[in-house]
Each structure stands twice: as structure tokens, then as C-alpha cells.
PDB file of N, CA and C in Angstrom:
ATOM      1  N   MET A   1       0.851  -1.161   0.000  1.00  0.00           N
ATOM      2  CA  MET A   1       0.000   0.000   0.000  1.00  0.00           C
ATOM      3  C   MET A   1       0.898   1.226   0.000  1.00  0.00           C
ATOM      4  N   GLY A   2       0.824   2.022  -1.035  1.00  0.00           N
ATOM      5  CA  GLY A   2       1.669   3.199  -1.159  1.00  0.00           C
ATOM      6  C   GLY A   2       1.142   4.363  -0.357  1.00  0.00           C
ATOM      7  N   LEU A   3       1.931   5.408  -0.271  1.00  0.00           N
ATOM      8  CA  LEU A   3       1.559   6.598   0.493  1.00  0.00           C
ATOM      9  C   LEU A   3       0.280   7.237  -0.038  1.00  0.00           C
ATOM     10  N   PRO A   4       0.094   7.402  -1.364  1.00  0.00           N
ATOM     11  CA  PRO A   4      -1.162   7.985  -1.833  1.00  0.00           C
ATOM     12  C   PRO A   4      -2.378   7.156  -1.423  1.00  0.00           C
ATOM     13  N   CYS A   5      -2.246   5.851  -1.422  1.00  0.00           N
ATOM     14  CA  CYS A   5      -3.371   4.995  -1.020  1.00  0.00           C
ATOM     15  C   CYS A   5      -3.660   5.147   0.468  1.00  0.00           C
ATOM     16  N   THR A   6      -2.631   5.372   1.271  1.00  0.00           N
ATOM     17  CA  THR A   6      -2.817   5.568   2.701  1.00  0.00           C
ATOM     18  C   THR A   6      -3.587   6.854   2.966  1.00  0.00           C
ATOM     19  N   LEU A   7      -3.265   7.888   2.216  1.00  0.00           N
ATOM     20  CA  LEU A   7      -3.903   9.183   2.437  1.00  0.00           C
ATOM     21  C   LEU A   7      -5.271   9.316   1.780  1.00  0.00           C
ATOM     22  N   PHE A   8      -5.392   8.849   0.561  1.00  0.00           N
ATOM     23  CA  PHE A   8      -6.597   9.106  -0.220  1.00  0.00           C
ATOM     24  C   PHE A   8      -7.466   7.881  -0.468  1.00  0.00           C
ATOM     25  N   GLY A   9      -7.015   6.715  -0.083  1.00  0.00           N
ATOM     26  CA  GLY A   9      -7.761   5.493  -0.359  1.00  0.00           C
ATOM     27  C   GLY A   9      -7.352   4.910  -1.698  1.00  0.00           C
ATOM     28  N   ARG A  10      -7.787   3.720  -1.953  1.00  0.00           N
ATOM     29  CA  ARG A  10      -7.408   3.040  -3.193  1.00  0.00           C
ATOM     30  C   ARG A  10      -8.234   3.530  -4.377  1.00  0.00           C
ATOM     31  N   ASP A  11      -7.621   3.491  -5.543  1.00  0.00           N
ATOM     32  CA  ASP A  11      -8.291   3.821  -6.798  1.00  0.00           C
ATOM     33  C   ASP A  11      -8.547   2.496  -7.522  1.00  0.00           C
ATOM     34  N   LEU A  12      -9.660   1.843  -7.162  1.00  0.00           N
ATOM     35  CA  LEU A  12      -9.949   0.506  -7.677  1.00  0.00           C
ATOM     36  C   LEU A  12     -10.512   0.582  -9.091  1.00  0.00           C
ATOM     37  N   ALA A  13      -9.973  -0.260  -9.957  1.00  0.00           N
ATOM     38  CA  ALA A  13     -10.470  -0.374 -11.330  1.00  0.00           C
ATOM     39  C   ALA A  13     -11.712  -1.254 -11.325  1.00  0.00           C
ATOM     40  N   ASP A  14     -12.329  -1.433 -12.481  1.00  0.00           N
ATOM     41  CA  ASP A  14     -13.486  -2.324 -12.589  1.00  0.00           C
ATOM     42  C   ASP A  14     -13.075  -3.733 -12.185  1.00  0.00           C
ATOM     43  N   PRO A  15     -13.907  -4.405 -11.382  1.00  0.00           N
ATOM     44  CA  PRO A  15     -13.536  -5.748 -10.926  1.00  0.00           C
ATOM     45  C   PRO A  15     -13.546  -6.761 -12.064  1.00  0.00           C
ATOM     46  N   GLU A  16     -12.644  -7.731 -11.954  1.00  0.00           N
ATOM     47  CA  GLU A  16     -12.624  -8.845 -12.893  1.00  0.00           C
ATOM     48  C   GLU A  16     -13.150 -10.075 -12.178  1.00  0.00           C
ATOM     49  N   ILE A  17     -13.722 -10.983 -12.938  1.00  0.00           N
ATOM     50  CA  ILE A  17     -14.313 -12.187 -12.358  1.00  0.00           C
ATOM     51  C   ILE A  17     -13.334 -13.342 -12.495  1.00  0.00           C
ATOM     52  N   ARG A  18     -13.086 -14.016 -11.369  1.00  0.00           N
ATOM     53  CA  ARG A  18     -12.215 -15.194 -11.351  1.00  0.00           C
ATOM     54  C   ARG A  18     -13.032 -16.381 -10.867  1.00  0.00           C
ATOM     55  N   ARG A  19     -12.901 -17.493 -11.567  1.00  0.00           N
ATOM     56  CA  ARG A  19     -13.637 -18.705 -11.203  1.00  0.00           C
ATOM     57  C   ARG A  19     -12.657 -19.837 -10.931  1.00  0.00           C
ATOM     58  N   ASP A  20     -12.909 -20.573  -9.862  1.00  0.00           N
ATOM     59  CA  ASP A  20     -12.117 -21.749  -9.512  1.00  0.00           C
ATOM     60  C   ASP A  20     -13.076 -22.902  -9.259  1.00  0.00           C
ATOM     61  N   VAL A  21     -12.727 -24.071  -9.762  1.00  0.00           N
ATOM     62  CA  VAL A  21     -13.524 -25.281  -9.527  1.00  0.00           C
ATOM     63  C   VAL A  21     -12.593 -26.336  -8.956  1.00  0.00           C
ATOM     64  N   ASP A  22     -13.042 -27.014  -7.882  1.00  0.00           N
ATOM     65  CA  ASP A  22     -12.219 -28.020  -7.223  1.00  0.00           C
ATOM     66  C   ASP A  22     -13.096 -29.203  -6.848  1.00  0.00           C
ATOM     67  N   ARG A  23     -12.512 -30.380  -6.803  1.00  0.00           N
ATOM     68  CA  ARG A  23     -13.220 -31.590  -6.383  1.00  0.00           C
ATOM     69  C   ARG A  23     -12.803 -31.904  -4.949  1.00  0.00           C
ATOM     70  N   ARG A  24     -13.796 -32.095  -4.079  1.00  0.00           N
ATOM     71  CA  ARG A  24     -13.519 -32.394  -2.669  1.00  0.00           C
ATOM     72  C   ARG A  24     -13.319 -33.876  -2.456  1.00  0.00           C
ATOM     73  N   GLU A  25     -12.453 -34.197  -1.493  1.00  0.00           N
ATOM     74  CA  GLU A  25     -12.224 -35.577  -1.080  1.00  0.00           C
ATOM     75  C   GLU A  25     -12.470 -35.687   0.409  1.00  0.00           C
ATOM     76  N   ASN A  26     -12.757 -36.898   0.868  1.00  0.00           N
ATOM     77  CA  ASN A  26     -12.923 -37.078   2.305  1.00  0.00           C
ATOM     78  C   ASN A  26     -11.562 -37.288   2.965  1.00  0.00           C
ATOM     79  N   ALA A  27     -11.539 -37.548   4.260  1.00  0.00           N
ATOM     80  CA  ALA A  27     -10.285 -37.667   5.003  1.00  0.00           C
ATOM     81  C   ALA A  27      -9.437 -38.855   4.546  1.00  0.00           C
ATOM     82  N   MET A  28     -10.052 -39.862   3.959  1.00  0.00           N
ATOM     83  CA  MET A  28      -9.324 -41.045   3.505  1.00  0.00           C
ATOM     84  C   MET A  28      -8.753 -40.851   2.097  1.00  0.00           C
ATOM     85  N   GLY A  29      -9.011 -39.703   1.487  1.00  0.00           N
ATOM     86  CA  GLY A  29      -8.498 -39.437   0.155  1.00  0.00           C
ATOM     87  C   GLY A  29      -9.371 -39.960  -0.963  1.00  0.00           C
ATOM     88  N   VAL A  30     -10.582 -40.414  -0.626  1.00  0.00           N
ATOM     89  CA  VAL A  30     -11.508 -40.943  -1.623  1.00  0.00           C
ATOM     90  C   VAL A  30     -12.415 -39.803  -2.087  1.00  0.00           C
ATOM     91  N   ALA A  31     -12.586 -39.687  -3.377  1.00  0.00           N
ATOM     92  CA  ALA A  31     -13.418 -38.617  -3.924  1.00  0.00           C
ATOM     93  C   ALA A  31     -14.865 -38.788  -3.487  1.00  0.00           C
ATOM     94  N   LYS A  32     -15.484 -37.700  -3.058  1.00  0.00           N
ATOM     95  CA  LYS A  32     -16.879 -37.726  -2.659  1.00  0.00           C
ATOM     96  C   LYS A  32     -17.782 -37.245  -3.798  1.00  0.00           C
ATOM     97  N   ASN A  33     -17.184 -36.969  -4.955  1.00  0.00           N
ATOM     98  CA  ASN A  33     -17.925 -36.474  -6.108  1.00  0.00           C
ATOM     99  C   ASN A  33     -18.629 -35.157  -5.811  1.00  0.00           C
ATOM    100  N   GLU A  34     -18.024 -34.320  -4.991  1.00  0.00           N
ATOM    101  CA  GLU A  34     -18.540 -32.992  -4.751  1.00  0.00           C
ATOM    102  C   GLU A  34     -17.659 -31.992  -5.488  1.00  0.00           C
ATOM    103  N   LEU A  35     -18.297 -31.122  -6.215  1.00  0.00           N
ATOM    104  CA  LEU A  35     -17.574 -30.067  -6.898  1.00  0.00           C
ATOM    105  C   LEU A  35     -17.814 -28.762  -6.163  1.00  0.00           C
ATOM    106  N   VAL A  36     -16.738 -28.029  -5.901  1.00  0.00           N
ATOM    107  CA  VAL A  36     -16.826 -26.742  -5.232  1.00  0.00           C
ATOM    108  C   VAL A  36     -16.447 -25.671  -6.246  1.00  0.00           C
ATOM    109  N   ALA A  37     -17.391 -24.791  -6.543  1.00  0.00           N
ATOM    110  CA  ALA A  37     -17.148 -23.705  -7.488  1.00  0.00           C
ATOM    111  C   ALA A  37     -17.123 -22.390  -6.723  1.00  0.00           C
ATOM    112  N   VAL A  38     -16.053 -21.622  -6.898  1.00  0.00           N
ATOM    113  CA  VAL A  38     -15.908 -20.328  -6.226  1.00  0.00           C
ATOM    114  C   VAL A  38     -15.821 -19.248  -7.300  1.00  0.00           C
ATOM    115  N   ARG A  39     -16.677 -18.243  -7.186  1.00  0.00           N
ATOM    116  CA  ARG A  39     -16.680 -17.110  -8.108  1.00  0.00           C
ATOM    117  C   ARG A  39     -16.337 -15.860  -7.306  1.00  0.00           C
ATOM    118  N   ARG A  40     -15.261 -15.195  -7.692  1.00  0.00           N
ATOM    119  CA  ARG A  40     -14.813 -13.995  -6.982  1.00  0.00           C
ATOM    120  C   ARG A  40     -14.758 -12.811  -7.938  1.00  0.00           C
ATOM    121  N   GLU A  41     -15.166 -11.657  -7.447  1.00  0.00           N
ATOM    122  CA  GLU A  41     -14.951 -10.412  -8.166  1.00  0.00           C
ATOM    123  C   GLU A  41     -13.794  -9.715  -7.470  1.00  0.00           C
ATOM    124  N   VAL A  42     -12.698  -9.502  -8.202  1.00  0.00           N
ATOM    125  CA  VAL A  42     -11.478  -8.948  -7.631  1.00  0.00           C
ATOM    126  C   VAL A  42     -11.161  -7.627  -8.338  1.00  0.00           C
ATOM    127  N   ALA A  43     -10.932  -6.579  -7.545  1.00  0.00           N
ATOM    128  CA  ALA A  43     -10.565  -5.270  -8.089  1.00  0.00           C
ATOM    129  C   ALA A  43      -9.109  -4.979  -7.733  1.00  0.00           C
ATOM    130  N   THR A  44      -8.396  -4.336  -8.665  1.00  0.00           N
ATOM    131  CA  THR A  44      -6.983  -4.010  -8.473  1.00  0.00           C
ATOM    132  C   THR A  44      -6.820  -2.497  -8.411  1.00  0.00           C
ATOM    133  N   CYS A  45      -6.009  -2.033  -7.463  1.00  0.00           N
ATOM    134  CA  CYS A  45      -5.727  -0.606  -7.323  1.00  0.00           C
ATOM    135  C   CYS A  45      -4.782  -0.177  -8.450  1.00  0.00           C
ATOM    136  N   SER A  46      -5.151   0.897  -9.138  1.00  0.00           N
ATOM    137  CA  SER A  46      -4.313   1.360 -10.248  1.00  0.00           C
ATOM    138  C   SER A  46      -3.058   2.080  -9.757  1.00  0.00           C
ATOM    139  N   ARG A  47      -3.022   2.493  -8.494  1.00  0.00           N
ATOM    140  CA  ARG A  47      -1.843   3.185  -7.953  1.00  0.00           C
ATOM    141  C   ARG A  47      -0.788   2.228  -7.427  1.00  0.00           C
ATOM    142  N   CYS A  48      -1.223   1.302  -6.553  1.00  0.00           N
ATOM    143  CA  CYS A  48      -0.227   0.453  -5.877  1.00  0.00           C
ATOM    144  C   CYS A  48      -0.254  -1.008  -6.332  1.00  0.00           C
ATOM    145  N   GLY A  49      -1.283  -1.424  -7.071  1.00  0.00           N
ATOM    146  CA  GLY A  49      -1.357  -2.793  -7.555  1.00  0.00           C
ATOM    147  C   GLY A  49      -1.946  -3.786  -6.566  1.00  0.00           C
ATOM    148  N   ALA A  50      -2.404  -3.331  -5.409  1.00  0.00           N
ATOM    149  CA  ALA A  50      -3.003  -4.233  -4.421  1.00  0.00           C
ATOM    150  C   ALA A  50      -4.352  -4.725  -4.935  1.00  0.00           C
ATOM    151  N   THR A  51      -4.690  -5.965  -4.610  1.00  0.00           N
ATOM    152  CA  THR A  51      -5.973  -6.526  -5.026  1.00  0.00           C
ATOM    153  C   THR A  51      -6.906  -6.617  -3.830  1.00  0.00           C
ATOM    154  N   GLU A  52      -8.187  -6.518  -4.110  1.00  0.00           N
ATOM    155  CA  GLU A  52      -9.201  -6.558  -3.066  1.00  0.00           C
ATOM    156  C   GLU A  52     -10.382  -7.373  -3.579  1.00  0.00           C
ATOM    157  N   ILE A  53     -10.868  -8.306  -2.760  1.00  0.00           N
ATOM    158  CA  ILE A  53     -12.030  -9.109  -3.141  1.00  0.00           C
ATOM    159  C   ILE A  53     -13.277  -8.283  -2.890  1.00  0.00           C
ATOM    160  N   VAL A  54     -14.022  -8.025  -3.970  1.00  0.00           N
ATOM    161  CA  VAL A  54     -15.236  -7.228  -3.878  1.00  0.00           C
ATOM    162  C   VAL A  54     -16.403  -8.107  -3.443  1.00  0.00           C
ATOM    163  N   SER A  55     -16.525  -9.304  -4.035  1.00  0.00           N
ATOM    164  CA  SER A  55     -17.558 -10.253  -3.641  1.00  0.00           C
ATOM    165  C   SER A  55     -17.072 -11.667  -3.912  1.00  0.00           C
ATOM    166  N   GLU A  56     -17.659 -12.622  -3.178  1.00  0.00           N
ATOM    167  CA  GLU A  56     -17.275 -14.025  -3.329  1.00  0.00           C
ATOM    168  C   GLU A  56     -18.515 -14.885  -3.169  1.00  0.00           C
ATOM    169  N   HIS A  57     -18.664 -15.873  -4.054  1.00  0.00           N
ATOM    170  CA  HIS A  57     -19.801 -16.780  -4.000  1.00  0.00           C
ATOM    171  C   HIS A  57     -19.266 -18.206  -4.124  1.00  0.00           C
ATOM    172  N   THR A  58     -19.616 -19.058  -3.150  1.00  0.00           N
ATOM    173  CA  THR A  58     -19.173 -20.449  -3.157  1.00  0.00           C
ATOM    174  C   THR A  58     -20.391 -21.352  -3.320  1.00  0.00           C
ATOM    175  N   GLU A  59     -20.279 -22.316  -4.222  1.00  0.00           N
ATOM    176  CA  GLU A  59     -21.366 -23.256  -4.471  1.00  0.00           C
ATOM    177  C   GLU A  59     -20.807 -24.670  -4.426  1.00  0.00           C
ATOM    178  N   VAL A  60     -21.480 -25.555  -3.671  1.00  0.00           N
ATOM    179  CA  VAL A  60     -21.072 -26.954  -3.563  1.00  0.00           C
ATOM    180  C   VAL A  60     -22.141 -27.804  -4.226  1.00  0.00           C
ATOM    181  N   ASN A  61     -21.724 -28.586  -5.224  1.00  0.00           N
ATOM    182  CA  ASN A  61     -22.633 -29.488  -5.925  1.00  0.00           C
ATOM    183  C   ASN A  61     -22.268 -30.914  -5.552  1.00  0.00           C
ATOM    184  N   GLY A  62     -23.179 -31.595  -4.869  1.00  0.00           N
ATOM    185  CA  GLY A  62     -22.942 -32.980  -4.484  1.00  0.00           C
ATOM    186  C   GLY A  62     -23.253 -33.913  -5.633  1.00  0.00           C
ATOM    187  N   GLY A  63     -22.502 -34.984  -5.760  1.00  0.00           N
ATOM    188  CA  GLY A  63     -22.696 -35.917  -6.852  1.00  0.00           C
ATOM    189  C   GLY A  63     -23.279 -37.229  -6.416  1.00  0.00           C
ATOM    190  N   HIS A  64     -24.001 -37.261  -5.301  1.00  0.00           N
ATOM    191  CA  HIS A  64     -24.507 -38.515  -4.750  1.00  0.00           C
ATOM    192  C   HIS A  64     -25.381 -39.256  -5.759  1.00  0.00           C
ATOM    193  N   ARG A  65     -26.323 -38.596  -6.369  1.00  0.00           N
ATOM    194  CA  ARG A  65     -27.245 -39.277  -7.272  1.00  0.00           C
ATOM    195  C   ARG A  65     -26.565 -39.708  -8.559  1.00  0.00           C
ATOM    196  N   ARG A  66     -25.519 -39.006  -8.946  1.00  0.00           N
ATOM    197  CA  ARG A  66     -24.815 -39.388 -10.157  1.00  0.00           C
ATOM    198  C   ARG A  66     -24.113 -40.731 -10.007  1.00  0.00           C
ATOM    199  N   THR A  67     -23.671 -41.065  -8.787  1.00  0.00           N
ATOM    200  CA  THR A  67     -22.900 -42.286  -8.600  1.00  0.00           C
ATOM    201  C   THR A  67     -23.768 -43.512  -8.339  1.00  0.00           C
ATOM    202  N   CYS A  68     -24.932 -43.346  -7.726  1.00  0.00           N
ATOM    203  CA  CYS A  68     -25.721 -44.520  -7.366  1.00  0.00           C
ATOM    204  C   CYS A  68     -26.978 -44.676  -8.208  1.00  0.00           C
ATOM    205  N   GLY A  69     -27.284 -43.721  -9.054  1.00  0.00           N
ATOM    206  CA  GLY A  69     -28.483 -43.823  -9.880  1.00  0.00           C
ATOM    207  C   GLY A  69     -29.703 -43.270  -9.169  1.00  0.00           C
ATOM    208  N   THR A  70     -30.856 -43.463  -9.762  1.00  0.00           N
ATOM    209  CA  THR A  70     -32.080 -42.887  -9.203  1.00  0.00           C
ATOM    210  C   THR A  70     -32.788 -43.819  -8.232  1.00  0.00           C
ATOM    211  N   LYS A  71     -32.282 -45.033  -8.011  1.00  0.00           N
ATOM    212  CA  LYS A  71     -32.958 -46.006  -7.157  1.00  0.00           C
ATOM    213  C   LYS A  71     -33.007 -45.570  -5.693  1.00  0.00           C
ATOM    214  N   CYS A  72     -31.921 -44.983  -5.178  1.00  0.00           N
ATOM    215  CA  CYS A  72     -31.886 -44.688  -3.745  1.00  0.00           C
ATOM    216  C   CYS A  72     -32.532 -43.350  -3.406  1.00  0.00           C
ATOM    217  N   LEU A  73     -32.720 -42.463  -4.377  1.00  0.00           N
ATOM    218  CA  LEU A  73     -33.337 -41.159  -4.180  1.00  0.00           C
ATOM    219  C   LEU A  73     -32.654 -40.335  -3.099  1.00  0.00           C
ATOM    220  N   GLY A  74     -31.343 -40.499  -2.971  1.00  0.00           N
ATOM    221  CA  GLY A  74     -30.580 -39.684  -2.050  1.00  0.00           C
ATOM    222  C   GLY A  74     -30.601 -40.153  -0.604  1.00  0.00           C
ATOM    223  N   ARG A  75     -31.245 -41.273  -0.307  1.00  0.00           N
ATOM    224  CA  ARG A  75     -31.308 -41.759   1.065  1.00  0.00           C
ATOM    225  C   ARG A  75     -30.058 -42.562   1.411  1.00  0.00           C
ATOM    226  N   ARG A  76     -29.614 -42.406   2.649  1.00  0.00           N
ATOM    227  CA  ARG A  76     -28.472 -43.201   3.116  1.00  0.00           C
ATOM    228  C   ARG A  76     -28.990 -44.454   3.801  1.00  0.00           C
ATOM    229  N   ARG A  77     -28.207 -45.504   3.709  1.00  0.00           N
ATOM    230  CA  ARG A  77     -28.619 -46.767   4.328  1.00  0.00           C
ATOM    231  C   ARG A  77     -27.736 -47.085   5.490  1.00  0.00           C
TER     232      ARG A  77
END
């Protein structure tokens, strides 16, 4: 953070959208077929180059029905 940013605040440019997708595993290292999608809006200061997260949205999609079919209807046994 430069001196102008300390005195006058950051001059943030229009935010850019960054997306990350990851597959979650359980403690044993076995895939649970869950996909985690994170969408972030990140703005960069034109004076000092610092980045700031403007907004973040996390979505978890479970894959339970994809692996066992429609017979179990999501119920655990």
C-alpha cells in the first residue's frame, strides 16, 4: 500500500471475475464427487497494484445421485 493509497484510499479499477472449480475428497483421500465452485470479483488498485475481493460466492454441488443412480433417491442406508 503506497503513500497515496494511505492518504486518499485506493483507486480501484473495474472488478474482474475469477472462477475456480475443485473436487472435494474425504479424510481417507476418496473422492466424494462434490464439486466446489468459487466465483470472486477482484478489483486491483491502479496506484499500488493491491488486489481486493469485492464479492465471493461459493457453491457446492454434491454428486450422490450421479454415482448410485435414481434407485436410492438420495437416502443413506
